[in-house]
ModelCIF file with pLDDT and N, C-alpha, C, O atoms, coordinates in Angstrom:
data_MODEL
#
_entry.id   MODEL 
#
_entity.id                         1 
_entity.type                       polymer 
_entity.pdbx_number_of_molecules   1 
#
_entity_poly.entity_id                      1 
_entity_poly.type                           'polypeptide(L)' 
_entity_poly.nstd_linkage                   no 
_entity_poly.nstd_monomer                   no 
_entity_poly.pdbx_seq_one_letter_code       IAMIDAPYQVWHYAEKLKMTREELRQEAKESDGNPEIKAKIRQQQ 
_entity_poly.pdbx_seq_one_letter_code_can   IAMIDAPYQVWHYAEKLKMTREELRQEAKESDGNPEIKAKIRQQQ 
_entity_poly.pdbx_strand_id                 A 
#
loop_
_entity_poly_seq.entity_id 
_entity_poly_seq.num 
_entity_poly_seq.mon_id 
_entity_poly_seq.hetero 
1 1  ILE n 
1 2  ALA n 
1 3  MET n 
1 4  ILE n 
1 5  ASP n 
1 6  ALA n 
1 7  PRO n 
1 8  TYR n 
1 9  GLN n 
1 10 VAL n 
1 11 TRP n 
1 12 HIS n 
1 13 TYR n 
1 14 ALA n 
1 15 GLU n 
1 16 LYS n 
1 17 LEU n 
1 18 LYS n 
1 19 MET n 
1 20 THR n 
1 21 ARG n 
1 22 GLU n 
1 23 GLU n 
1 24 LEU n 
1 25 ARG n 
1 26 GLN n 
1 27 GLU n 
1 28 ALA n 
1 29 LYS n 
1 30 GLU n 
1 31 SER n 
1 32 ASP n 
1 33 GLY n 
1 34 ASN n 
1 35 PRO n 
1 36 GLU n 
1 37 ILE n 
1 38 LYS n 
1 39 ALA n 
1 40 LYS n 
1 41 ILE n 
1 42 ARG n 
1 43 GLN n 
1 44 GLN n 
1 45 GLN n 
#
_struct_asym.id          A 
_struct_asym.entity_id   1 
#
loop_
_ma_qa_metric.id 
_ma_qa_metric.mode 
_ma_qa_metric.name 
_ma_qa_metric.software_group_id 
_ma_qa_metric.type 
1 global pLDDT . pLDDT 
2 local  pLDDT . pLDDT 
#
_ma_qa_metric_global.metric_id      1 
_ma_qa_metric_global.metric_value   79.24 
_ma_qa_metric_global.model_id       1 
_ma_qa_metric_global.ordinal_id     1 
#
loop_
_ma_qa_metric_local.label_asym_id 
_ma_qa_metric_local.label_comp_id 
_ma_qa_metric_local.label_seq_id 
_ma_qa_metric_local.metric_id 
_ma_qa_metric_local.metric_value 
_ma_qa_metric_local.model_id 
_ma_qa_metric_local.ordinal_id 
A ILE 1  2 83.00 1 1  
A ALA 2  2 85.00 1 2  
A MET 3  2 87.00 1 3  
A ILE 4  2 85.00 1 4  
A ASP 5  2 85.00 1 5  
A ALA 6  2 85.00 1 6  
A PRO 7  2 86.00 1 7  
A TYR 8  2 85.00 1 8  
A GLN 9  2 85.00 1 9  
A VAL 10 2 86.00 1 10 
A TRP 11 2 88.00 1 11 
A HIS 12 2 84.00 1 12 
A TYR 13 2 85.00 1 13 
A ALA 14 2 86.00 1 14 
A GLU 15 2 86.00 1 15 
A LYS 16 2 85.00 1 16 
A LEU 17 2 85.00 1 17 
A LYS 18 2 86.00 1 18 
A MET 19 2 85.00 1 19 
A THR 20 2 85.00 1 20 
A ARG 21 2 83.00 1 21 
A GLU 22 2 83.00 1 22 
A GLU 23 2 82.00 1 23 
A LEU 24 2 80.00 1 24 
A ARG 25 2 80.00 1 25 
A GLN 26 2 80.00 1 26 
A GLU 27 2 77.00 1 27 
A ALA 28 2 75.00 1 28 
A LYS 29 2 71.00 1 29 
A GLU 30 2 68.00 1 30 
A SER 31 2 64.00 1 31 
A ASP 32 2 61.00 1 32 
A GLY 33 2 60.00 1 33 
A ASN 34 2 62.00 1 34 
A PRO 35 2 68.00 1 35 
A GLU 36 2 70.00 1 36 
A ILE 37 2 70.00 1 37 
A LYS 38 2 72.00 1 38 
A ALA 39 2 74.00 1 39 
A LYS 40 2 79.00 1 40 
A ILE 41 2 77.00 1 41 
A ARG 42 2 79.00 1 42 
A GLN 43 2 82.00 1 43 
A GLN 44 2 83.00 1 44 
A GLN 45 2 79.00 1 45 
#
loop_
_atom_site.group_PDB 
_atom_site.id 
_atom_site.type_symbol 
_atom_site.label_atom_id 
_atom_site.label_alt_id 
_atom_site.label_comp_id 
_atom_site.label_asym_id 
_atom_site.label_entity_id 
_atom_site.label_seq_id 
_atom_site.pdbx_PDB_ins_code 
_atom_site.Cartn_x 
_atom_site.Cartn_y 
_atom_site.Cartn_z 
_atom_site.occupancy 
_atom_site.B_iso_or_equiv 
_atom_site.pdbx_formal_charge 
_atom_site.auth_seq_id 
_atom_site.auth_comp_id 
_atom_site.auth_asym_id 
_atom_site.auth_atom_id 
_atom_site.pdbx_PDB_model_num 
ATOM 1   N N  . ILE A 1 1  ? 85.284 159.028 92.786  1.00 83.00 ? 1  ILE A N  1 
ATOM 2   C CA . ILE A 1 1  ? 85.165 158.755 94.359  1.00 83.00 ? 1  ILE A CA 1 
ATOM 3   C C  . ILE A 1 1  ? 84.748 157.440 94.670  1.00 83.00 ? 1  ILE A C  1 
ATOM 4   O O  . ILE A 1 1  ? 85.211 156.956 95.702  1.00 83.00 ? 1  ILE A O  1 
ATOM 5   N N  . ALA A 1 2  ? 83.897 156.699 93.929  1.00 85.00 ? 2  ALA A N  1 
ATOM 6   C CA . ALA A 1 2  ? 83.562 155.306 94.197  1.00 85.00 ? 2  ALA A CA 1 
ATOM 7   C C  . ALA A 1 2  ? 84.777 154.488 94.081  1.00 85.00 ? 2  ALA A C  1 
ATOM 8   O O  . ALA A 1 2  ? 85.044 153.672 94.963  1.00 85.00 ? 2  ALA A O  1 
ATOM 9   N N  . MET A 1 3  ? 85.470 154.636 93.141  1.00 87.00 ? 3  MET A N  1 
ATOM 10  C CA . MET A 1 3  ? 86.774 153.935 92.838  1.00 87.00 ? 3  MET A CA 1 
ATOM 11  C C  . MET A 1 3  ? 87.791 154.024 93.958  1.00 87.00 ? 3  MET A C  1 
ATOM 12  O O  . MET A 1 3  ? 88.583 153.098 94.132  1.00 87.00 ? 3  MET A O  1 
ATOM 13  N N  . ILE A 1 4  ? 87.800 155.116 94.731  1.00 85.00 ? 4  ILE A N  1 
ATOM 14  C CA . ILE A 1 4  ? 88.678 155.371 95.728  1.00 85.00 ? 4  ILE A CA 1 
ATOM 15  C C  . ILE A 1 4  ? 88.054 154.805 97.066  1.00 85.00 ? 4  ILE A C  1 
ATOM 16  O O  . ILE A 1 4  ? 88.745 154.289 97.945  1.00 85.00 ? 4  ILE A O  1 
ATOM 17  N N  . ASP A 1 5  ? 86.678 154.950 97.136  1.00 85.00 ? 5  ASP A N  1 
ATOM 18  C CA . ASP A 1 5  ? 86.052 154.616 98.376  1.00 85.00 ? 5  ASP A CA 1 
ATOM 19  C C  . ASP A 1 5  ? 86.058 152.975 98.548  1.00 85.00 ? 5  ASP A C  1 
ATOM 20  O O  . ASP A 1 5  ? 86.260 152.448 99.642  1.00 85.00 ? 5  ASP A O  1 
ATOM 21  N N  . ALA A 1 6  ? 85.851 152.348 97.530  1.00 85.00 ? 6  ALA A N  1 
ATOM 22  C CA . ALA A 1 6  ? 85.657 150.764 97.577  1.00 85.00 ? 6  ALA A CA 1 
ATOM 23  C C  . ALA A 1 6  ? 86.836 150.147 98.159  1.00 85.00 ? 6  ALA A C  1 
ATOM 24  O O  . ALA A 1 6  ? 86.715 149.315 99.058  1.00 85.00 ? 6  ALA A O  1 
ATOM 25  N N  . PRO A 1 7  ? 88.083 150.535 97.658  1.00 86.00 ? 7  PRO A N  1 
ATOM 26  C CA . PRO A 1 7  ? 89.254 149.823 98.280  1.00 86.00 ? 7  PRO A CA 1 
ATOM 27  C C  . PRO A 1 7  ? 89.454 150.288 99.642  1.00 86.00 ? 7  PRO A C  1 
ATOM 28  O O  . PRO A 1 7  ? 89.881 149.536 100.519 1.00 86.00 ? 7  PRO A O  1 
ATOM 29  N N  . TYR A 1 8  ? 89.154 151.525 99.847  1.00 85.00 ? 8  TYR A N  1 
ATOM 30  C CA . TYR A 1 8  ? 89.268 152.019 101.347 1.00 85.00 ? 8  TYR A CA 1 
ATOM 31  C C  . TYR A 1 8  ? 88.443 151.272 102.325 1.00 85.00 ? 8  TYR A C  1 
ATOM 32  O O  . TYR A 1 8  ? 88.843 150.934 103.438 1.00 85.00 ? 8  TYR A O  1 
ATOM 33  N N  . GLN A 1 9  ? 87.127 151.007 101.783 1.00 85.00 ? 9  GLN A N  1 
ATOM 34  C CA . GLN A 1 9  ? 86.258 150.334 102.718 1.00 85.00 ? 9  GLN A CA 1 
ATOM 35  C C  . GLN A 1 9  ? 86.753 148.924 103.070 1.00 85.00 ? 9  GLN A C  1 
ATOM 36  O O  . GLN A 1 9  ? 86.696 148.459 104.209 1.00 85.00 ? 9  GLN A O  1 
ATOM 37  N N  . VAL A 1 10 ? 87.274 148.246 101.934 1.00 86.00 ? 10 VAL A N  1 
ATOM 38  C CA . VAL A 1 10 ? 87.761 146.847 102.205 1.00 86.00 ? 10 VAL A CA 1 
ATOM 39  C C  . VAL A 1 10 ? 89.011 146.948 103.100 1.00 86.00 ? 10 VAL A C  1 
ATOM 40  O O  . VAL A 1 10 ? 89.187 146.038 103.911 1.00 86.00 ? 10 VAL A O  1 
ATOM 41  N N  . TRP A 1 11 ? 89.867 147.928 103.038 1.00 88.00 ? 11 TRP A N  1 
ATOM 42  C CA . TRP A 1 11 ? 91.049 148.139 103.872 1.00 88.00 ? 11 TRP A CA 1 
ATOM 43  C C  . TRP A 1 11 ? 90.706 148.332 105.297 1.00 88.00 ? 11 TRP A C  1 
ATOM 44  O O  . TRP A 1 11 ? 91.254 147.701 106.200 1.00 88.00 ? 11 TRP A O  1 
ATOM 45  N N  . HIS A 1 12 ? 89.683 149.318 105.496 1.00 84.00 ? 12 HIS A N  1 
ATOM 46  C CA . HIS A 1 12 ? 89.077 149.593 106.772 1.00 84.00 ? 12 HIS A CA 1 
ATOM 47  C C  . HIS A 1 12 ? 88.616 148.449 107.472 1.00 84.00 ? 12 HIS A C  1 
ATOM 48  O O  . HIS A 1 12 ? 88.929 148.227 108.641 1.00 84.00 ? 12 HIS A O  1 
ATOM 49  N N  . TYR A 1 13 ? 87.876 147.711 106.788 1.00 85.00 ? 13 TYR A N  1 
ATOM 50  C CA . TYR A 1 13 ? 87.153 146.506 107.338 1.00 85.00 ? 13 TYR A CA 1 
ATOM 51  C C  . TYR A 1 13 ? 88.252 145.484 107.744 1.00 85.00 ? 13 TYR A C  1 
ATOM 52  O O  . TYR A 1 13 ? 88.129 144.920 108.831 1.00 85.00 ? 13 TYR A O  1 
ATOM 53  N N  . ALA A 1 14 ? 89.193 145.238 107.039 1.00 86.00 ? 14 ALA A N  1 
ATOM 54  C CA . ALA A 1 14 ? 90.226 144.408 107.408 1.00 86.00 ? 14 ALA A CA 1 
ATOM 55  C C  . ALA A 1 14 ? 91.107 144.927 108.558 1.00 86.00 ? 14 ALA A C  1 
ATOM 56  O O  . ALA A 1 14 ? 91.725 144.134 109.269 1.00 86.00 ? 14 ALA A O  1 
ATOM 57  N N  . GLU A 1 15 ? 91.164 146.222 108.735 1.00 86.00 ? 15 GLU A N  1 
ATOM 58  C CA . GLU A 1 15 ? 91.761 146.843 109.908 1.00 86.00 ? 15 GLU A CA 1 
ATOM 59  C C  . GLU A 1 15 ? 90.949 146.646 111.140 1.00 86.00 ? 15 GLU A C  1 
ATOM 60  O O  . GLU A 1 15 ? 91.455 146.375 112.229 1.00 86.00 ? 15 GLU A O  1 
ATOM 61  N N  . LYS A 1 16 ? 89.617 146.796 110.923 1.00 85.00 ? 16 LYS A N  1 
ATOM 62  C CA . LYS A 1 16 ? 88.766 146.804 112.025 1.00 85.00 ? 16 LYS A CA 1 
ATOM 63  C C  . LYS A 1 16 ? 88.801 145.427 112.828 1.00 85.00 ? 16 LYS A C  1 
ATOM 64  O O  . LYS A 1 16 ? 88.762 145.326 114.054 1.00 85.00 ? 16 LYS A O  1 
ATOM 65  N N  . LEU A 1 17 ? 88.884 144.375 111.896 1.00 85.00 ? 17 LEU A N  1 
ATOM 66  C CA . LEU A 1 17 ? 88.800 143.034 112.358 1.00 85.00 ? 17 LEU A CA 1 
ATOM 67  C C  . LEU A 1 17 ? 89.990 142.415 112.678 1.00 85.00 ? 17 LEU A C  1 
ATOM 68  O O  . LEU A 1 17 ? 89.976 141.230 113.010 1.00 85.00 ? 17 LEU A O  1 
ATOM 69  N N  . LYS A 1 18 ? 91.192 143.149 112.617 1.00 86.00 ? 18 LYS A N  1 
ATOM 70  C CA . LYS A 1 18 ? 92.543 142.543 112.953 1.00 86.00 ? 18 LYS A CA 1 
ATOM 71  C C  . LYS A 1 18 ? 92.460 142.131 114.530 1.00 86.00 ? 18 LYS A C  1 
ATOM 72  O O  . LYS A 1 18 ? 91.769 142.736 115.350 1.00 86.00 ? 18 LYS A O  1 
ATOM 73  N N  . MET A 1 19 ? 93.322 140.940 114.834 1.00 85.00 ? 19 MET A N  1 
ATOM 74  C CA . MET A 1 19 ? 93.274 140.372 116.048 1.00 85.00 ? 19 MET A CA 1 
ATOM 75  C C  . MET A 1 19 ? 94.643 140.512 116.770 1.00 85.00 ? 19 MET A C  1 
ATOM 76  O O  . MET A 1 19 ? 95.627 140.884 116.130 1.00 85.00 ? 19 MET A O  1 
ATOM 77  N N  . THR A 1 20 ? 94.712 140.247 117.968 1.00 85.00 ? 20 THR A N  1 
ATOM 78  C CA . THR A 1 20 ? 95.837 140.108 118.635 1.00 85.00 ? 20 THR A CA 1 
ATOM 79  C C  . THR A 1 20 ? 96.440 138.726 118.705 1.00 85.00 ? 20 THR A C  1 
ATOM 80  O O  . THR A 1 20 ? 95.745 137.748 118.428 1.00 85.00 ? 20 THR A O  1 
ATOM 81  N N  . ARG A 1 21 ? 97.643 138.610 119.046 1.00 83.00 ? 21 ARG A N  1 
ATOM 82  C CA . ARG A 1 21 ? 98.099 137.200 118.995 1.00 83.00 ? 21 ARG A CA 1 
ATOM 83  C C  . ARG A 1 21 ? 97.504 136.457 120.100 1.00 83.00 ? 21 ARG A C  1 
ATOM 84  O O  . ARG A 1 21 ? 97.439 135.231 120.005 1.00 83.00 ? 21 ARG A O  1 
ATOM 85  N N  . GLU A 1 22 ? 97.093 137.010 121.064 1.00 83.00 ? 22 GLU A N  1 
ATOM 86  C CA . GLU A 1 22 ? 96.490 136.410 122.307 1.00 83.00 ? 22 GLU A CA 1 
ATOM 87  C C  . GLU A 1 22 ? 95.018 135.847 121.788 1.00 83.00 ? 22 GLU A C  1 
ATOM 88  O O  . GLU A 1 22 ? 94.567 134.745 122.103 1.00 83.00 ? 22 GLU A O  1 
ATOM 89  N N  . GLU A 1 23 ? 94.448 136.676 121.052 1.00 82.00 ? 23 GLU A N  1 
ATOM 90  C CA . GLU A 1 23 ? 93.050 136.297 120.528 1.00 82.00 ? 23 GLU A CA 1 
ATOM 91  C C  . GLU A 1 23 ? 93.164 135.129 119.565 1.00 82.00 ? 23 GLU A C  1 
ATOM 92  O O  . GLU A 1 23 ? 92.272 134.282 119.506 1.00 82.00 ? 23 GLU A O  1 
ATOM 93  N N  . LEU A 1 24 ? 94.258 135.075 118.806 1.00 80.00 ? 24 LEU A N  1 
ATOM 94  C CA . LEU A 1 24 ? 94.579 134.050 117.782 1.00 80.00 ? 24 LEU A CA 1 
ATOM 95  C C  . LEU A 1 24 ? 94.730 132.698 118.625 1.00 80.00 ? 24 LEU A C  1 
ATOM 96  O O  . LEU A 1 24 ? 94.087 131.685 118.351 1.00 80.00 ? 24 LEU A O  1 
ATOM 97  N N  . ARG A 1 25 ? 95.623 132.786 119.652 1.00 80.00 ? 25 ARG A N  1 
ATOM 98  C CA . ARG A 1 25 ? 95.829 131.685 120.478 1.00 80.00 ? 25 ARG A CA 1 
ATOM 99  C C  . ARG A 1 25 ? 94.540 131.157 121.021 1.00 80.00 ? 25 ARG A C  1 
ATOM 100 O O  . ARG A 1 25 ? 94.177 130.006 120.777 1.00 80.00 ? 25 ARG A O  1 
ATOM 101 N N  . GLN A 1 26 ? 93.825 132.005 121.775 1.00 80.00 ? 26 GLN A N  1 
ATOM 102 C CA . GLN A 1 26 ? 92.454 131.636 122.329 1.00 80.00 ? 26 GLN A CA 1 
ATOM 103 C C  . GLN A 1 26 ? 91.549 130.905 121.330 1.00 80.00 ? 26 GLN A C  1 
ATOM 104 O O  . GLN A 1 26 ? 90.945 129.863 121.584 1.00 80.00 ? 26 GLN A O  1 
ATOM 105 N N  . GLU A 1 27 ? 91.522 131.617 120.083 1.00 77.00 ? 27 GLU A N  1 
ATOM 106 C CA . GLU A 1 27 ? 90.632 130.934 119.096 1.00 77.00 ? 27 GLU A CA 1 
ATOM 107 C C  . GLU A 1 27 ? 91.156 129.478 118.699 1.00 77.00 ? 27 GLU A C  1 
ATOM 108 O O  . GLU A 1 27 ? 90.397 128.538 118.462 1.00 77.00 ? 27 GLU A O  1 
ATOM 109 N N  . ALA A 1 28 ? 92.431 129.417 118.661 1.00 75.00 ? 28 ALA A N  1 
ATOM 110 C CA . ALA A 1 28 ? 92.919 128.142 118.302 1.00 75.00 ? 28 ALA A CA 1 
ATOM 111 C C  . ALA A 1 28 ? 92.599 127.092 119.424 1.00 75.00 ? 28 ALA A C  1 
ATOM 112 O O  . ALA A 1 28 ? 92.254 125.944 119.146 1.00 75.00 ? 28 ALA A O  1 
ATOM 113 N N  . LYS A 1 29 ? 92.729 127.535 120.659 1.00 71.00 ? 29 LYS A N  1 
ATOM 114 C CA . LYS A 1 29 ? 92.245 126.590 121.768 1.00 71.00 ? 29 LYS A CA 1 
ATOM 115 C C  . LYS A 1 29 ? 90.920 126.184 121.484 1.00 71.00 ? 29 LYS A C  1 
ATOM 116 O O  . LYS A 1 29 ? 90.673 124.983 121.376 1.00 71.00 ? 29 LYS A O  1 
ATOM 117 N N  . GLU A 1 30 ? 89.923 127.153 121.332 1.00 68.00 ? 30 GLU A N  1 
ATOM 118 C CA . GLU A 1 30 ? 88.549 126.887 121.252 1.00 68.00 ? 30 GLU A CA 1 
ATOM 119 C C  . GLU A 1 30 ? 88.231 126.001 120.060 1.00 68.00 ? 30 GLU A C  1 
ATOM 120 O O  . GLU A 1 30 ? 87.416 125.082 120.142 1.00 68.00 ? 30 GLU A O  1 
ATOM 121 N N  . SER A 1 31 ? 88.903 126.307 118.935 1.00 64.00 ? 31 SER A N  1 
ATOM 122 C CA . SER A 1 31 ? 88.636 125.564 117.715 1.00 64.00 ? 31 SER A CA 1 
ATOM 123 C C  . SER A 1 31 ? 89.235 124.045 117.773 1.00 64.00 ? 31 SER A C  1 
ATOM 124 O O  . SER A 1 31 ? 88.564 123.045 117.518 1.00 64.00 ? 31 SER A O  1 
ATOM 125 N N  . ASP A 1 32 ? 90.523 124.043 118.129 1.00 61.00 ? 32 ASP A N  1 
ATOM 126 C CA . ASP A 1 32 ? 91.236 122.771 118.124 1.00 61.00 ? 32 ASP A CA 1 
ATOM 127 C C  . ASP A 1 32 ? 91.034 122.060 119.558 1.00 61.00 ? 32 ASP A C  1 
ATOM 128 O O  . ASP A 1 32 ? 91.359 120.878 119.672 1.00 61.00 ? 32 ASP A O  1 
ATOM 129 N N  . GLY A 1 33 ? 90.560 122.691 120.530 1.00 60.00 ? 33 GLY A N  1 
ATOM 130 C CA . GLY A 1 33 ? 90.575 122.051 121.884 1.00 60.00 ? 33 GLY A CA 1 
ATOM 131 C C  . GLY A 1 33 ? 91.477 122.515 122.841 1.00 60.00 ? 33 GLY A C  1 
ATOM 132 O O  . GLY A 1 33 ? 92.575 122.726 122.325 1.00 60.00 ? 33 GLY A O  1 
ATOM 133 N N  . ASN A 1 34 ? 91.442 122.744 123.986 1.00 62.00 ? 34 ASN A N  1 
ATOM 134 C CA . ASN A 1 34 ? 92.266 123.123 124.980 1.00 62.00 ? 34 ASN A CA 1 
ATOM 135 C C  . ASN A 1 34 ? 93.138 121.926 125.171 1.00 62.00 ? 34 ASN A C  1 
ATOM 136 O O  . ASN A 1 34 ? 92.685 120.815 125.446 1.00 62.00 ? 34 ASN A O  1 
ATOM 137 N N  . PRO A 1 35 ? 94.523 122.217 125.001 1.00 68.00 ? 35 PRO A N  1 
ATOM 138 C CA . PRO A 1 35 ? 95.457 121.082 125.240 1.00 68.00 ? 35 PRO A CA 1 
ATOM 139 C C  . PRO A 1 35 ? 95.360 120.356 126.511 1.00 68.00 ? 35 PRO A C  1 
ATOM 140 O O  . PRO A 1 35 ? 95.594 119.149 126.564 1.00 68.00 ? 35 PRO A O  1 
ATOM 141 N N  . GLU A 1 36 ? 95.016 121.066 127.561 1.00 70.00 ? 36 GLU A N  1 
ATOM 142 C CA . GLU A 1 36 ? 94.984 120.289 128.820 1.00 70.00 ? 36 GLU A CA 1 
ATOM 143 C C  . GLU A 1 36 ? 93.692 119.345 128.890 1.00 70.00 ? 36 GLU A C  1 
ATOM 144 O O  . GLU A 1 36 ? 93.762 118.214 129.370 1.00 70.00 ? 36 GLU A O  1 
ATOM 145 N N  . ILE A 1 37 ? 92.534 119.876 128.392 1.00 70.00 ? 37 ILE A N  1 
ATOM 146 C CA . ILE A 1 37 ? 91.378 119.209 128.157 1.00 70.00 ? 37 ILE A CA 1 
ATOM 147 C C  . ILE A 1 37 ? 91.579 117.910 127.313 1.00 70.00 ? 37 ILE A C  1 
ATOM 148 O O  . ILE A 1 37 ? 91.196 116.800 127.685 1.00 70.00 ? 37 ILE A O  1 
ATOM 149 N N  . LYS A 1 38 ? 92.232 118.174 126.115 1.00 72.00 ? 38 LYS A N  1 
ATOM 150 C CA . LYS A 1 38 ? 92.557 117.129 125.212 1.00 72.00 ? 38 LYS A CA 1 
ATOM 151 C C  . LYS A 1 38 ? 93.326 116.022 126.004 1.00 72.00 ? 38 LYS A C  1 
ATOM 152 O O  . LYS A 1 38 ? 92.886 114.874 126.068 1.00 72.00 ? 38 LYS A O  1 
ATOM 153 N N  . ALA A 1 39 ? 94.495 116.408 126.607 1.00 74.00 ? 39 ALA A N  1 
ATOM 154 C CA . ALA A 1 39 ? 95.154 115.491 127.374 1.00 74.00 ? 39 ALA A CA 1 
ATOM 155 C C  . ALA A 1 39 ? 94.425 114.733 128.354 1.00 74.00 ? 39 ALA A C  1 
ATOM 156 O O  . ALA A 1 39 ? 94.604 113.522 128.485 1.00 74.00 ? 39 ALA A O  1 
ATOM 157 N N  . LYS A 1 40 ? 93.509 115.475 129.134 1.00 79.00 ? 40 LYS A N  1 
ATOM 158 C CA . LYS A 1 40 ? 92.651 114.686 130.047 1.00 79.00 ? 40 LYS A CA 1 
ATOM 159 C C  . LYS A 1 40 ? 91.668 113.694 129.465 1.00 79.00 ? 40 LYS A C  1 
ATOM 160 O O  . LYS A 1 40 ? 91.369 112.608 129.961 1.00 79.00 ? 40 LYS A O  1 
ATOM 161 N N  . ILE A 1 41 ? 91.204 114.227 128.328 1.00 77.00 ? 41 ILE A N  1 
ATOM 162 C CA . ILE A 1 41 ? 90.256 113.054 127.540 1.00 77.00 ? 41 ILE A CA 1 
ATOM 163 C C  . ILE A 1 41 ? 91.099 111.979 127.000 1.00 77.00 ? 41 ILE A C  1 
ATOM 164 O O  . ILE A 1 41 ? 90.647 110.834 127.041 1.00 77.00 ? 41 ILE A O  1 
ATOM 165 N N  . ARG A 1 42 ? 92.315 112.200 126.478 1.00 79.00 ? 42 ARG A N  1 
ATOM 166 C CA . ARG A 1 42 ? 93.206 111.101 126.097 1.00 79.00 ? 42 ARG A CA 1 
ATOM 167 C C  . ARG A 1 42 ? 93.473 110.126 127.407 1.00 79.00 ? 42 ARG A C  1 
ATOM 168 O O  . ARG A 1 42 ? 93.358 108.902 127.350 1.00 79.00 ? 42 ARG A O  1 
ATOM 169 N N  . GLN A 1 43 ? 93.811 110.791 128.486 1.00 82.00 ? 43 GLN A N  1 
ATOM 170 C CA . GLN A 1 43 ? 93.907 109.919 129.687 1.00 82.00 ? 43 GLN A CA 1 
ATOM 171 C C  . GLN A 1 43 ? 92.822 109.062 130.004 1.00 82.00 ? 43 GLN A C  1 
ATOM 172 O O  . GLN A 1 43 ? 92.972 107.866 130.254 1.00 82.00 ? 43 GLN A O  1 
ATOM 173 N N  . GLN A 1 44 ? 91.646 109.701 129.998 1.00 83.00 ? 44 GLN A N  1 
ATOM 174 C CA . GLN A 1 44 ? 90.547 109.073 130.284 1.00 83.00 ? 44 GLN A CA 1 
ATOM 175 C C  . GLN A 1 44 ? 90.179 107.799 129.282 1.00 83.00 ? 44 GLN A C  1 
ATOM 176 O O  . GLN A 1 44 ? 89.719 106.731 129.687 1.00 83.00 ? 44 GLN A O  1 
ATOM 177 N N  . GLN A 1 45 ? 90.433 108.079 128.071 1.00 79.00 ? 45 GLN A N  1 
ATOM 178 C CA . GLN A 1 45 ? 90.389 107.098 126.924 1.00 79.00 ? 45 GLN A CA 1 
ATOM 179 C C  . GLN A 1 45 ? 91.407 105.920 127.235 1.00 79.00 ? 45 GLN A C  1 
ATOM 180 O O  . GLN A 1 45 ? 91.543 104.995 126.434 1.00 79.00 ? 45 GLN A O  1 
#
């Protein structure tokens, strides 16, 4: 039972944390910086 449950828990965890494309785009903006804000910073520089 343990050998069946362990892979299932790993799969269930991955399914639970799956993201939408919109969430990925929003995360990219937060991590890399909003393009509009970056453009404004470059303009100020």
